[in-house]
Amino acid sequence: MQYRTERDLLGEKKVPQEVYWGIHTARARENFPLSGRMVDFDLIKALVVVKKSAAQANHELGYLNKEKFLAIEQACDEVSQGKFNSSFVVDSLCGGAGTSVNMNVNEVLANRALEILGKNKGDYSFLHPIDDVNMHQSTNDVFPTGVRIAVINKLKDLSAVIAGLQGAFQQKEKAFVGIVTIGRSELQEAVPVSLGAEFGAFAQGFERDRWRTFKCEERLRVVNIGGTAIGTGLGAPRSYIFLVIEKLRALTGLGLSRAENLVDATANCDAFGEVAGIIKVHAQNIIKVSNDLRLLHLLGEIVLPSLQAGSSLMPGKVNPVACEAVIQAAIKAGNDCDIITELVGRGTLQINEFMPLIADSFMEALNLLAASGRILTDCVNSIEANESVCREYIEHSLGVVTAFVPIIGYEKATALIQEFKAAKEKNVRSFLVEKLGKDLVDKTLSAENIISLGYKDVKRA
């Protein structure tokens, strides 16, 4: 293997000649063998679009000549297309507020630009990772801005996934609207309910998630690009600070704006905590709904899709693995959100040193929730109702007597229950038909009556 020698503040270091990263990345690889997980590519793409916007602004203002600019711009486009994914080798939990990730991006773009210009990798006297690619920038405004862009893009994807999940439950709501079963509270039989109404409630929860997730962009669109190290803009010309945000907005297609107070935007990450809280609510809804589906499957009222054999010992056993998997993923995503809110308070003075973990937690949480939503949507689309089991619950549950209270009164209803128990009857519906008449029982326990809001005025018997 051939090597090239690069230099930094700490001295010299040999770097394999063929790689696009340089000495800063090499040191980070040695210093942070932590998670073994590289930075999410969506974050890399977001950082690259920041670099491209900076290059455009610097070229337009005359700080970056055309030859260098075109090479850097081409390198940015190629990296965004995924052509150099293997070159981003810094652990996602690196120290330094994201400096190692920023330098990994700078070095890859610089060396690819050099290659485009017919130069050797590492020939930084011609085009430099910091002086050219990172011109008028610092990690402290590039990295948080990139994180916001990456999170916004993933939130858009997640919102679309949630919309599909909501739609799947709404379809089942329509399909199951006429199926009456017994509702439950505190894991005990309660009063009759439409199976469709149960699925409609699931759909409504995800509708709120979809709206909240969609609105998260408003919390994240204010960025601190141009603030450089601590938000004072030191090291960047005023013309660049005003122009770079326009370039970034045009390149991303997002409604980004520069913070009015760049010192605040660089020091404080409370918006990330706010968004993490919203994301965690969605994770909790996935957990709740998935567990409810498992219970309805256990009770036999619905049939979840059979996806794989459930046991290496018990022949014929099939488990609700889709629901189990997404519950686990949602718990992990929720924990990531807790990490984010914890780290919001861990920053000190003018920056938050723990931006890499904030970024990693966001990327993982949003990836997990989007994947969970797709799996759960497929699961819901395949759910079938077991009408005969639902009918059995209605025919044998004393909970249905509550539906007759408006007609016969609480005391008479209680007396009927006592009489039923004393007679040791088994079929509640047949008993009620005998005591109250078939027409009244059929009407009272019909799906139309059960799903109506309240009851129509009746004369008590």
Protein backbone atom coordinates (compact mmCIF):
# COMPACT_ATOMS: atom_id res chain seq x y z
CA MET A 1 0.00 0.00 0.00
CA GLN A 2 1.25 3.45 -0.88
CA TYR A 3 0.92 6.38 1.50
CA ARG A 4 0.94 10.14 1.36
CA THR A 5 2.09 12.32 4.24
CA GLU A 6 -0.28 14.98 5.58
CA ARG A 7 0.26 17.55 8.31
CA ASP A 8 -1.90 19.19 10.97
CA LEU A 9 -1.49 20.99 14.29
CA LEU A 10 -0.12 17.86 15.98
CA GLY A 11 2.40 16.96 13.31
CA GLU A 12 2.63 14.56 10.38
CA LYS A 13 0.76 11.34 9.63
CA LYS A 14 0.77 8.85 6.81
CA VAL A 15 -2.54 8.34 5.03
CA PRO A 16 -3.22 5.60 2.44
CA GLN A 17 -2.77 7.19 -0.98
CA GLU A 18 -6.02 5.87 -2.45
CA VAL A 19 -8.42 7.17 0.24
CA TYR A 20 -10.27 10.46 -0.09
CA TRP A 21 -10.17 11.29 3.60
CA GLY A 22 -7.11 12.87 5.20
CA ILE A 23 -5.19 13.36 8.43
CA HIS A 24 -8.07 14.77 10.50
CA THR A 25 -10.24 11.80 9.61
CA ALA A 26 -7.37 9.41 10.28
CA ARG A 27 -6.92 10.78 13.79
CA ALA A 28 -10.66 10.56 14.45
CA ARG A 29 -10.69 6.91 13.39
CA GLU A 30 -7.98 6.18 15.92
CA ASN A 31 -9.46 8.33 18.69
CA PHE A 32 -13.11 7.24 18.58
CA PRO A 33 -13.50 3.46 18.15
CA LEU A 34 -16.83 3.63 19.98
CA SER A 35 -20.08 2.50 18.35
CA GLY A 36 -18.72 1.04 15.14
CA ARG A 37 -21.59 2.89 13.46
CA MET A 38 -20.76 5.47 10.80
CA VAL A 39 -22.61 8.74 10.37
CA ASP A 40 -26.02 8.36 8.71
CA PHE A 41 -25.71 9.13 5.00
CA ASP A 42 -28.69 11.49 5.08
CA LEU A 43 -26.71 13.65 7.50
CA ILE A 44 -23.65 13.48 5.23
CA LYS A 45 -25.80 14.65 2.32
CA ALA A 46 -27.16 17.50 4.42
CA LEU A 47 -23.64 18.60 5.37
CA VAL A 48 -22.60 18.41 1.73
CA VAL A 49 -25.44 20.69 0.64
CA VAL A 50 -24.25 23.18 3.26
CA LYS A 51 -20.76 22.97 1.73
CA LYS A 52 -22.16 23.47 -1.75
CA SER A 53 -24.14 26.53 -0.70
CA ALA A 54 -21.03 27.98 0.95
CA ALA A 55 -18.98 27.35 -2.19
CA GLN A 56 -21.62 29.06 -4.33
CA ALA A 57 -21.73 32.08 -2.04
CA ASN A 58 -17.94 32.32 -1.82
CA HIS A 59 -17.58 32.04 -5.59
CA GLU A 60 -20.25 34.64 -6.29
CA LEU A 61 -18.57 37.04 -3.87
CA GLY A 62 -15.14 36.47 -5.44
CA TYR A 63 -13.52 34.55 -2.60
CA LEU A 64 -13.33 31.24 -4.49
CA ASN A 65 -12.10 31.15 -8.08
CA LYS A 66 -14.14 29.47 -10.79
CA GLU A 67 -11.81 26.50 -11.25
CA LYS A 68 -11.91 25.53 -7.58
CA PHE A 69 -15.60 26.26 -7.28
CA LEU A 70 -16.63 24.04 -10.18
CA ALA A 71 -14.49 21.18 -8.87
CA ILE A 72 -15.92 21.48 -5.34
CA GLU A 73 -19.44 21.74 -6.70
CA GLN A 74 -18.98 18.59 -8.81
CA ALA A 75 -17.52 16.76 -5.81
CA CYS A 76 -20.55 17.80 -3.73
CA ASP A 77 -22.93 16.48 -6.36
CA GLU A 78 -21.10 13.18 -6.65
CA VAL A 79 -21.02 12.64 -2.90
CA SER A 80 -24.74 13.44 -2.68
CA GLN A 81 -25.35 10.75 -5.31
CA GLY A 82 -23.71 8.20 -3.02
CA LYS A 83 -20.58 7.66 -5.07
CA PHE A 84 -18.20 7.98 -2.12
CA ASN A 85 -20.16 6.50 0.79
CA SER A 86 -17.24 4.31 1.86
CA SER A 87 -15.13 7.42 2.42
CA PHE A 88 -17.14 8.59 5.43
CA VAL A 89 -15.51 6.57 8.14
CA VAL A 90 -15.79 8.62 11.33
CA ASP A 91 -17.68 7.02 14.20
CA SER A 92 -21.06 8.67 14.77
CA LEU A 93 -20.21 9.28 18.44
CA CYS A 94 -17.01 11.23 17.87
CA GLY A 95 -16.00 13.98 20.26
CA GLY A 96 -15.52 17.63 19.36
CA ALA A 97 -19.09 18.80 18.67
CA GLY A 98 -18.93 17.25 15.19
CA THR A 99 -15.54 18.60 14.11
CA SER A 100 -14.33 15.17 12.97
CA VAL A 101 -17.42 14.64 10.83
CA ASN A 102 -17.09 18.12 9.35
CA MET A 103 -13.43 17.48 8.56
CA ASN A 104 -14.21 14.08 7.06
CA VAL A 105 -16.60 15.86 4.67
CA ASN A 106 -14.10 18.66 3.97
CA GLU A 107 -11.30 16.22 3.19
CA VAL A 108 -13.36 13.96 0.94
CA LEU A 109 -14.69 16.93 -1.03
CA ALA A 110 -11.23 18.49 -1.28
CA ASN A 111 -9.51 15.32 -2.47
CA ARG A 112 -12.23 14.51 -4.97
CA ALA A 113 -12.06 18.10 -6.25
CA LEU A 114 -8.28 17.76 -6.59
CA GLU A 115 -8.79 14.55 -8.55
CA ILE A 116 -11.27 16.31 -10.85
CA LEU A 117 -8.66 19.01 -11.45
CA GLY A 118 -6.03 16.42 -12.34
CA LYS A 119 -4.12 16.82 -9.10
CA ASN A 120 -2.99 14.23 -6.58
CA LYS A 121 -4.93 13.59 -3.42
CA GLY A 122 -3.37 15.52 -0.58
CA ASP A 123 -2.07 18.33 -2.81
CA TYR A 124 -3.59 20.89 -0.48
CA SER A 125 -1.29 23.65 -1.69
CA PHE A 126 -3.62 23.84 -4.70
CA LEU A 127 -7.01 23.24 -3.02
CA HIS A 128 -7.35 22.98 0.75
CA PRO A 129 -10.00 21.20 2.88
CA ILE A 130 -10.19 24.13 5.31
CA ASP A 131 -9.09 27.20 3.36
CA ASP A 132 -11.30 26.36 0.37
CA VAL A 133 -13.99 23.76 1.17
CA ASN A 134 -14.53 25.07 4.71
CA MET A 135 -14.06 28.73 3.79
CA HIS A 136 -15.99 31.13 6.10
CA GLN A 137 -17.40 28.20 8.07
CA SER A 138 -16.82 26.37 11.33
CA THR A 139 -18.12 23.07 12.63
CA ASN A 140 -20.35 24.97 15.04
CA ASP A 141 -22.51 26.50 12.33
CA VAL A 142 -22.14 23.81 9.64
CA PHE A 143 -22.94 20.76 11.76
CA PRO A 144 -26.08 22.03 13.55
CA THR A 145 -27.39 23.40 10.24
CA GLY A 146 -26.77 20.05 8.57
CA VAL A 147 -28.51 18.22 11.40
CA ARG A 148 -31.58 20.40 11.05
CA ILE A 149 -31.75 19.81 7.30
CA ALA A 150 -31.32 16.05 7.72
CA VAL A 151 -33.96 15.88 10.46
CA ILE A 152 -36.44 17.95 8.42
CA ASN A 153 -36.00 15.64 5.43
CA LYS A 154 -36.46 12.53 7.55
CA LEU A 155 -39.50 14.06 9.24
CA LYS A 156 -41.07 14.60 5.82
CA ASP A 157 -40.54 10.92 5.06
CA LEU A 158 -41.91 9.91 8.46
CA SER A 159 -44.97 12.11 8.04
CA ALA A 160 -45.73 10.36 4.75
CA VAL A 161 -45.31 6.94 6.40
CA ILE A 162 -47.66 7.94 9.23
CA ALA A 163 -50.22 9.12 6.68
CA GLY A 164 -50.11 5.67 5.09
CA LEU A 165 -50.49 4.04 8.50
CA GLN A 166 -53.45 6.25 9.30
CA GLY A 167 -55.03 5.33 5.97
CA ALA A 168 -54.61 1.61 6.62
CA PHE A 169 -56.48 1.89 9.92
CA GLN A 170 -59.19 4.02 8.30
CA GLN A 171 -59.76 1.33 5.69
CA LYS A 172 -60.22 -1.25 8.43
CA GLU A 173 -62.50 1.15 10.28
CA LYS A 174 -64.81 1.16 7.25
CA ALA A 175 -64.54 -2.60 6.74
CA PHE A 176 -65.28 -3.45 10.40
CA VAL A 177 -67.89 -0.77 11.13
CA GLY A 178 -70.78 -3.27 11.25
CA ILE A 179 -69.03 -5.77 13.54
CA VAL A 180 -70.11 -5.40 17.17
CA THR A 181 -67.90 -6.78 19.93
CA ILE A 182 -67.35 -6.09 23.59
CA GLY A 183 -65.22 -3.14 24.65
CA ARG A 184 -62.86 -3.43 27.59
CA SER A 185 -61.56 -1.18 30.33
CA GLU A 186 -58.91 -2.14 32.87
CA LEU A 187 -58.63 -5.47 31.01
CA GLN A 188 -62.22 -6.30 31.95
CA GLU A 189 -65.30 -6.50 29.76
CA ALA A 190 -67.05 -3.14 29.60
CA VAL A 191 -69.76 -2.21 27.07
CA PRO A 192 -70.42 -3.07 23.42
CA VAL A 193 -68.34 -1.33 20.76
CA SER A 194 -67.93 -1.58 17.02
CA LEU A 195 -64.68 -3.21 15.94
CA GLY A 196 -64.57 -0.45 13.34
CA ALA A 197 -64.74 2.17 16.08
CA GLU A 198 -61.71 0.61 17.74
CA PHE A 199 -59.73 0.87 14.51
CA GLY A 200 -61.03 4.38 13.98
CA ALA A 201 -59.55 5.35 17.35
CA PHE A 202 -56.20 3.93 16.27
CA ALA A 203 -56.42 5.99 13.06
CA GLN A 204 -57.15 9.20 14.97
CA GLY A 205 -54.07 8.80 17.14
CA PHE A 206 -51.89 8.49 14.07
CA GLU A 207 -53.65 11.42 12.43
CA ARG A 208 -52.49 13.60 15.31
CA ASP A 209 -48.99 12.14 14.99
CA ARG A 210 -48.94 12.95 11.28
CA TRP A 211 -49.93 16.56 11.88
CA ARG A 212 -47.51 17.06 14.76
CA THR A 213 -44.67 15.51 12.78
CA PHE A 214 -45.43 17.65 9.75
CA LYS A 215 -45.42 20.81 11.86
CA CYS A 216 -41.99 19.97 13.33
CA GLU A 217 -40.35 21.63 10.35
CA GLU A 218 -41.39 24.99 11.78
CA ARG A 219 -39.28 24.29 14.88
CA LEU A 220 -36.19 23.45 12.84
CA ARG A 221 -36.10 25.78 9.85
CA VAL A 222 -34.21 28.56 11.68
CA VAL A 223 -30.49 27.75 11.24
CA ASN A 224 -27.23 29.28 12.44
CA ILE A 225 -25.19 29.06 9.24
CA GLY A 226 -23.00 32.13 8.98
CA GLY A 227 -22.54 32.34 12.73
CA THR A 228 -19.24 30.41 12.49
CA ALA A 229 -17.72 29.44 15.87
CA ILE A 230 -20.06 30.98 18.47
CA GLY A 231 -22.61 33.00 16.53
CA THR A 232 -20.75 36.29 16.21
CA GLY A 233 -19.86 35.72 12.57
CA LEU A 234 -16.18 36.22 13.32
CA GLY A 235 -14.11 34.97 10.39
CA ALA A 236 -16.80 35.42 7.74
CA PRO A 237 -17.62 38.54 5.69
CA ARG A 238 -21.03 40.09 6.22
CA SER A 239 -21.85 39.66 2.53
CA TYR A 240 -21.27 35.90 2.84
CA ILE A 241 -23.41 35.63 5.98
CA PHE A 242 -26.37 37.19 4.15
CA LEU A 243 -25.87 35.28 0.90
CA VAL A 244 -25.15 31.74 2.11
CA ILE A 245 -28.61 31.29 3.62
CA GLU A 246 -30.18 32.23 0.29
CA LYS A 247 -28.05 29.65 -1.51
CA LEU A 248 -28.89 27.02 1.09
CA ARG A 249 -32.60 27.72 0.87
CA ALA A 250 -32.50 27.42 -2.91
CA LEU A 251 -30.51 24.18 -2.89
CA THR A 252 -32.62 22.42 -0.26
CA GLY A 253 -36.03 23.68 -1.31
CA LEU A 254 -36.77 24.17 2.38
CA GLY A 255 -38.09 27.31 4.04
CA LEU A 256 -34.87 27.89 5.94
CA SER A 257 -34.00 31.22 7.51
CA ARG A 258 -30.98 32.57 9.35
CA ALA A 259 -31.54 33.05 13.06
CA GLU A 260 -31.87 36.66 14.16
CA ASN A 261 -29.71 35.87 17.16
CA LEU A 262 -26.94 33.61 15.94
CA VAL A 263 -25.30 33.40 19.36
CA ASP A 264 -28.53 31.96 20.76
CA ALA A 265 -28.97 29.59 17.81
CA THR A 266 -25.41 28.29 18.23
CA ALA A 267 -25.55 27.87 21.99
CA ASN A 268 -29.05 26.49 22.53
CA CYS A 269 -30.61 23.28 21.22
CA ASP A 270 -34.05 23.47 22.83
CA ALA A 271 -35.78 23.16 19.44
CA PHE A 272 -34.21 19.71 19.10
CA GLY A 273 -35.66 18.77 22.49
CA GLU A 274 -39.09 20.00 21.45
CA VAL A 275 -39.05 17.92 18.28
CA ALA A 276 -37.75 14.88 20.16
CA GLY A 277 -40.74 15.12 22.50
CA ILE A 278 -43.14 15.10 19.55
CA ILE A 279 -41.37 12.15 17.97
CA LYS A 280 -41.52 10.23 21.25
CA VAL A 281 -45.30 10.69 21.39
CA HIS A 282 -45.51 8.91 18.04
CA ALA A 283 -43.27 6.13 19.36
CA GLN A 284 -45.61 5.72 22.34
CA ASN A 285 -48.64 5.54 20.05
CA ILE A 286 -46.99 2.80 18.01
CA ILE A 287 -46.30 0.85 21.21
CA LYS A 288 -49.86 1.27 22.51
CA VAL A 289 -51.59 0.39 19.25
CA SER A 290 -49.31 -2.55 18.48
CA ASN A 291 -49.92 -4.01 21.91
CA ASP A 292 -53.68 -3.54 21.49
CA LEU A 293 -53.53 -5.42 18.21
CA ARG A 294 -51.74 -8.26 19.96
CA LEU A 295 -54.47 -8.36 22.61
CA LEU A 296 -57.28 -8.34 20.04
CA HIS A 297 -55.47 -11.16 18.23
CA LEU A 298 -55.14 -13.09 21.51
CA LEU A 299 -58.84 -12.61 22.18
CA GLY A 300 -59.58 -13.92 18.69
CA GLU A 301 -61.49 -10.84 17.54
CA ILE A 302 -58.96 -10.15 14.79
CA VAL A 303 -56.47 -12.32 12.97
CA LEU A 304 -53.01 -10.88 12.43
CA PRO A 305 -51.05 -12.03 9.37
CA SER A 306 -48.97 -15.18 9.73
CA LEU A 307 -45.44 -14.16 8.77
CA GLN A 308 -43.20 -16.98 9.98
CA ALA A 309 -43.05 -20.09 12.11
CA GLY A 310 -43.16 -19.07 15.76
CA SER A 311 -41.21 -21.76 17.54
CA SER A 312 -38.30 -24.10 17.09
CA LEU A 313 -40.03 -26.52 19.48
CA MET A 314 -43.80 -26.11 19.16
CA PRO A 315 -45.15 -27.16 15.75
CA GLY A 316 -47.82 -24.90 14.32
CA LYS A 317 -47.17 -21.96 16.63
CA VAL A 318 -47.32 -18.54 14.93
CA ASN A 319 -46.53 -15.35 16.83
CA PRO A 320 -47.53 -11.70 16.24
CA VAL A 321 -43.96 -10.89 15.27
CA ALA A 322 -44.67 -7.71 13.32
CA CYS A 323 -46.24 -6.05 16.34
CA GLU A 324 -43.48 -7.31 18.61
CA ALA A 325 -40.79 -5.99 16.31
CA VAL A 326 -42.24 -2.50 15.99
CA ILE A 327 -42.81 -2.28 19.75
CA GLN A 328 -39.10 -2.95 20.27
CA ALA A 329 -38.13 -0.42 17.61
CA ALA A 330 -40.46 2.21 19.07
CA ILE A 331 -39.04 1.69 22.55
CA LYS A 332 -35.53 2.20 21.15
CA ALA A 333 -36.65 5.30 19.27
CA GLY A 334 -38.26 6.67 22.41
CA ASN A 335 -35.03 6.15 24.31
CA ASP A 336 -33.18 8.05 21.58
CA CYS A 337 -35.61 10.92 22.11
CA ASP A 338 -34.88 10.86 25.84
CA ILE A 339 -31.18 11.09 25.02
CA ILE A 340 -31.80 14.14 22.84
CA THR A 341 -33.74 15.98 25.53
CA GLU A 342 -31.05 15.10 28.07
CA LEU A 343 -28.33 16.48 25.80
CA VAL A 344 -30.19 19.75 25.27
CA GLY A 345 -29.21 20.63 28.83
CA ARG A 346 -25.67 19.32 28.53
CA GLY A 347 -24.33 22.04 26.27
CA THR A 348 -22.11 24.64 27.91
CA LEU A 349 -21.95 28.37 27.27
CA GLN A 350 -21.69 29.07 23.53
CA ILE A 351 -22.04 25.59 21.96
CA ASN A 352 -23.44 22.15 22.57
CA GLU A 353 -20.50 19.77 22.56
CA PHE A 354 -22.75 16.74 22.21
CA MET A 355 -24.20 17.47 18.80
CA PRO A 356 -22.87 14.17 17.38
CA LEU A 357 -25.00 12.15 19.80
CA ILE A 358 -28.00 14.43 19.22
CA ALA A 359 -27.59 13.83 15.50
CA ASP A 360 -27.06 10.08 15.84
CA SER A 361 -30.07 9.72 18.13
CA PHE A 362 -32.28 11.68 15.74
CA MET A 363 -31.16 9.67 12.73
CA GLU A 364 -31.73 6.36 14.50
CA ALA A 365 -35.09 7.35 15.99
CA LEU A 366 -36.48 8.62 12.70
CA ASN A 367 -35.16 5.64 10.74
CA LEU A 368 -36.66 3.21 13.24
CA LEU A 369 -40.04 4.92 13.32
CA ALA A 370 -40.28 5.15 9.54
CA ALA A 371 -39.39 1.46 9.17
CA SER A 372 -41.80 0.55 11.97
CA GLY A 373 -44.59 2.49 10.29
CA ARG A 374 -44.09 0.63 7.03
CA ILE A 375 -44.07 -2.76 8.75
CA LEU A 376 -47.14 -1.91 10.81
CA THR A 377 -48.98 -0.61 7.74
CA ASP A 378 -48.40 -3.89 5.92
CA CYS A 379 -49.56 -5.75 9.01
CA VAL A 380 -52.78 -3.71 9.32
CA ASN A 381 -53.58 -4.12 5.64
CA SER A 382 -53.59 -7.90 6.17
CA ILE A 383 -55.69 -7.97 9.35
CA GLU A 384 -58.96 -9.89 9.15
CA ALA A 385 -61.90 -9.66 11.54
CA ASN A 386 -63.27 -12.79 13.19
CA GLU A 387 -66.98 -11.96 13.24
CA SER A 388 -68.03 -15.21 14.86
CA VAL A 389 -65.76 -14.63 17.86
CA CYS A 390 -66.98 -11.04 18.19
CA ARG A 391 -70.56 -12.34 18.14
CA GLU A 392 -69.72 -14.86 20.85
CA TYR A 393 -68.45 -12.09 23.11
CA ILE A 394 -71.62 -10.09 22.61
CA GLU A 395 -73.85 -13.09 23.27
CA HIS A 396 -72.07 -14.10 26.46
CA SER A 397 -70.98 -10.84 28.06
CA LEU A 398 -72.97 -9.19 30.82
CA GLY A 399 -71.47 -5.91 29.63
CA VAL A 400 -74.19 -5.66 26.99
CA VAL A 401 -76.81 -5.09 29.69
CA THR A 402 -75.51 -1.53 30.07
CA ALA A 403 -76.93 -0.73 26.64
CA PHE A 404 -80.43 -1.27 28.08
CA VAL A 405 -80.04 1.02 31.12
CA PRO A 406 -81.53 4.05 29.30
CA ILE A 407 -84.60 1.92 28.58
CA ILE A 408 -85.17 -0.10 31.76
CA GLY A 409 -83.12 1.81 34.34
CA TYR A 410 -80.10 0.86 36.42
CA GLU A 411 -82.00 -1.06 39.11
CA LYS A 412 -83.93 -3.22 36.67
CA ALA A 413 -80.75 -3.87 34.73
CA THR A 414 -79.03 -4.95 37.96
CA ALA A 415 -81.95 -7.23 38.78
CA LEU A 416 -81.71 -8.82 35.33
CA ILE A 417 -78.03 -9.54 35.87
CA GLN A 418 -78.71 -11.09 39.25
CA GLU A 419 -81.49 -13.22 37.78
CA PHE A 420 -79.22 -14.34 34.94
CA LYS A 421 -76.49 -15.40 37.35
CA ALA A 422 -78.95 -17.22 39.61
CA ALA A 423 -80.39 -19.12 36.67
CA LYS A 424 -76.85 -20.06 35.63
CA GLU A 425 -77.66 -19.19 32.06
CA LYS A 426 -74.85 -19.08 29.50
CA ASN A 427 -76.17 -16.98 26.65
CA VAL A 428 -76.83 -13.42 27.76
CA ARG A 429 -78.44 -12.40 24.49
CA SER A 430 -80.94 -15.28 24.56
CA PHE A 431 -81.79 -14.42 28.17
CA LEU A 432 -82.40 -10.77 27.25
CA VAL A 433 -84.55 -11.77 24.28
CA GLU A 434 -86.66 -13.85 26.63
CA LYS A 435 -87.04 -11.01 29.14
CA LEU A 436 -87.16 -7.92 26.90
CA GLY A 437 -88.20 -9.16 23.48
CA LYS A 438 -86.27 -9.87 20.31
CA ASP A 439 -87.06 -6.59 18.57
CA LEU A 440 -85.77 -4.47 21.45
CA VAL A 441 -82.60 -6.58 21.87
CA ASP A 442 -81.83 -6.60 18.14
CA LYS A 443 -82.31 -2.85 17.88
CA THR A 444 -80.34 -2.01 21.03
CA LEU A 445 -77.40 -4.23 20.19
CA SER A 446 -77.28 -3.34 16.49
CA ALA A 447 -74.10 -1.85 15.11
CA GLU A 448 -75.99 1.30 14.14
CA ASN A 449 -77.12 1.86 17.72
CA ILE A 450 -73.79 0.92 19.26
CA ILE A 451 -71.74 3.34 17.14
CA SER A 452 -74.21 6.24 17.40
CA LEU A 453 -73.21 9.06 19.69
CA GLY A 454 -75.43 8.70 22.74
CA TYR A 455 -78.98 7.41 22.50
CA LYS A 456 -82.21 8.80 21.15
CA ASP A 457 -84.90 9.87 23.60
CA VAL A 458 -86.74 6.81 24.86
CA LYS A 459 -89.48 6.14 27.32
CA ARG A 460 -88.21 4.05 30.16
CA ALA A 461 -90.02 0.73 30.54
